[in-house]
Amino acid sequence: MKFRKLAMAVIGTGLVVGALGAPAVASADTGSDDVSVMAVHRKSAACSSPSGNKINISWGDGNVSTTVYYNNHCNQKRAIELEFVKESGERFNKCVVAPANTKGDKKVDYGMPNKVTILSGGSC
C-alpha cells in the first residue's frame, strides 16, 4: 500500500520514472489555443568578397517588435530590408544595416514582417 501512495505522489508531480530508473518529464497540455512559441526564420546570401562567404540572418515573428540577428562574413556592409503591412493594407519598409565582418542584432519597433530581403549593397 505504501508503494501505491508513493507512485501516485510521483505521478501527481508530473515526474515519471522510466524502466531504467531515469526520470522522464511528461508534457502538459495547457488547454489553450494561444501559441507562445514564435517561428524563427533564417536567410543567407553570398558575399561578393571574399568568395565563398555568406551573411546569415534570423528573425522571429514578434507581435510588437522584430529583432534581426546577423552574422556578416562579407568584407562589405549589407542592408536587410523588412517589409511590413498595416491593417489598412498599406506597405512600408524598415532597413537594418549589418556592418562588414560583424555579428550582432538590431531591433525594429514593428512586429511580424511580411517580407525580409538581404540586399546586395550596404543601404536601402
Protein backbone atom coordinates (compact mmCIF):
# COMPACT_ATOMS: atom_id res chain seq x y z
CA MET A 1 0.00 0.00 0.00
CA LYS A 2 2.87 2.40 0.77
CA PHE A 3 4.29 1.83 -2.72
CA ARG A 4 0.97 2.75 -4.35
CA LYS A 5 0.80 6.07 -2.42
CA LEU A 6 4.41 6.87 -3.39
CA ALA A 7 3.74 6.05 -7.04
CA MET A 8 0.62 8.23 -7.07
CA ALA A 9 2.56 11.11 -5.45
CA VAL A 10 5.34 10.88 -8.05
CA ILE A 11 2.87 10.73 -10.94
CA GLY A 12 0.92 13.66 -9.46
CA THR A 13 4.03 15.86 -9.69
CA GLY A 14 4.41 15.18 -13.41
CA LEU A 15 7.65 13.20 -12.90
CA VAL A 16 7.60 9.68 -14.27
CA VAL A 17 10.44 7.20 -13.74
CA GLY A 18 11.17 5.02 -16.76
CA ALA A 19 12.10 1.35 -16.82
CA LEU A 20 15.82 2.15 -16.43
CA GLY A 21 15.22 4.39 -13.43
CA ALA A 22 15.86 7.62 -15.39
CA PRO A 23 13.31 10.38 -14.86
CA ALA A 24 11.17 11.38 -17.82
CA VAL A 25 9.11 14.54 -17.85
CA ALA A 26 5.63 14.29 -19.28
CA SER A 27 4.48 17.17 -21.44
CA ALA A 28 1.47 19.07 -20.19
CA ASP A 29 -1.36 20.35 -22.34
CA THR A 30 -2.32 23.83 -21.21
CA GLY A 31 -5.66 23.60 -22.98
CA SER A 32 -5.09 26.99 -24.59
CA ASP A 33 -5.06 27.81 -28.30
CA ASP A 34 -2.55 30.61 -27.60
CA VAL A 35 0.73 29.89 -29.38
CA SER A 36 3.54 31.20 -27.19
CA VAL A 37 6.43 29.93 -29.33
CA MET A 38 7.10 32.27 -32.23
CA ALA A 39 8.51 30.97 -35.51
CA VAL A 40 12.17 31.71 -36.23
CA HIS A 41 13.14 32.41 -39.83
CA ARG A 42 16.59 32.24 -41.40
CA LYS A 43 18.17 33.51 -44.61
CA SER A 44 21.64 33.83 -46.05
CA ALA A 45 23.22 35.43 -49.10
CA ALA A 46 26.60 35.10 -50.76
CA CYS A 47 29.29 37.75 -50.35
CA SER A 48 30.85 39.49 -53.34
CA SER A 49 34.13 39.25 -51.39
CA PRO A 50 35.61 37.11 -50.04
CA SER A 51 34.31 34.49 -52.43
CA GLY A 52 32.53 31.59 -50.74
CA ASN A 53 31.49 33.51 -47.59
CA LYS A 54 27.94 34.49 -46.61
CA ILE A 55 25.84 36.81 -44.50
CA ASN A 56 23.44 34.87 -42.28
CA ILE A 57 20.37 36.42 -40.68
CA SER A 58 17.48 35.27 -38.49
CA TRP A 59 14.37 36.91 -37.03
CA GLY A 60 11.21 35.92 -35.19
CA ASP A 61 7.51 36.72 -35.56
CA GLY A 62 7.26 39.19 -32.69
CA ASN A 63 3.91 40.94 -32.15
CA VAL A 64 5.33 44.32 -31.11
CA SER A 65 8.88 44.37 -32.46
CA THR A 66 11.26 42.39 -34.64
CA THR A 67 14.91 41.74 -33.78
CA VAL A 68 17.13 40.82 -36.70
CA TYR A 69 20.22 38.82 -35.77
CA TYR A 70 23.06 38.88 -38.29
CA ASN A 71 26.48 37.34 -38.80
CA ASN A 72 28.10 39.13 -41.74
CA HIS A 73 31.19 37.31 -43.04
CA CYS A 74 31.42 39.72 -46.02
CA ASN A 75 34.07 42.42 -46.47
CA GLN A 76 31.30 44.95 -47.17
CA LYS A 77 28.28 46.08 -45.18
CA ARG A 78 24.94 44.59 -46.22
CA ALA A 79 21.45 46.04 -45.91
CA ILE A 80 18.48 43.99 -44.75
CA GLU A 81 15.08 45.32 -45.81
CA LEU A 82 11.98 44.38 -43.83
CA GLU A 83 8.54 44.95 -45.34
CA PHE A 84 5.56 45.42 -43.01
CA VAL A 85 1.83 45.65 -43.79
CA LYS A 86 -0.51 47.87 -41.77
CA GLU A 87 -4.09 46.78 -41.04
CA SER A 88 -5.21 49.17 -43.79
CA GLY A 89 -3.12 47.17 -46.29
CA GLU A 90 -0.52 49.93 -46.65
CA ARG A 91 3.02 48.56 -47.02
CA PHE A 92 6.13 50.21 -45.59
CA ASN A 93 9.79 49.22 -45.23
CA LYS A 94 12.40 49.43 -42.50
CA CYS A 95 16.11 48.97 -43.08
CA VAL A 96 18.81 47.33 -40.93
CA VAL A 97 22.48 47.57 -41.91
CA ALA A 98 24.92 44.82 -40.94
CA PRO A 99 28.49 46.19 -40.86
CA ALA A 100 31.25 44.23 -42.61
CA ASN A 101 32.72 41.25 -40.72
CA THR A 102 30.38 41.77 -37.76
CA LYS A 103 27.97 39.69 -35.70
CA GLY A 104 25.15 41.49 -33.89
CA ASP A 105 21.46 42.36 -33.80
CA LYS A 106 19.15 45.29 -34.45
CA LYS A 107 15.64 45.83 -33.09
CA VAL A 108 12.87 47.31 -35.25
CA ASP A 109 9.81 48.70 -33.44
CA TYR A 110 7.31 46.89 -35.67
CA GLY A 111 6.26 43.25 -35.48
CA MET A 112 5.65 40.41 -37.91
CA PRO A 113 7.41 41.44 -41.14
CA ASN A 114 5.67 40.37 -44.33
CA LYS A 115 8.91 40.04 -46.32
CA VAL A 116 12.64 40.15 -45.47
CA THR A 117 15.29 40.72 -48.15
CA ILE A 118 19.09 40.82 -47.96
CA LEU A 119 20.20 43.50 -50.41
CA SER A 120 23.47 43.33 -52.36
CA GLY A 121 24.52 46.82 -51.24
CA GLY A 122 25.04 48.46 -47.90
CA SER A 123 21.96 50.73 -47.93
CA CYS A 124 18.24 50.54 -48.63
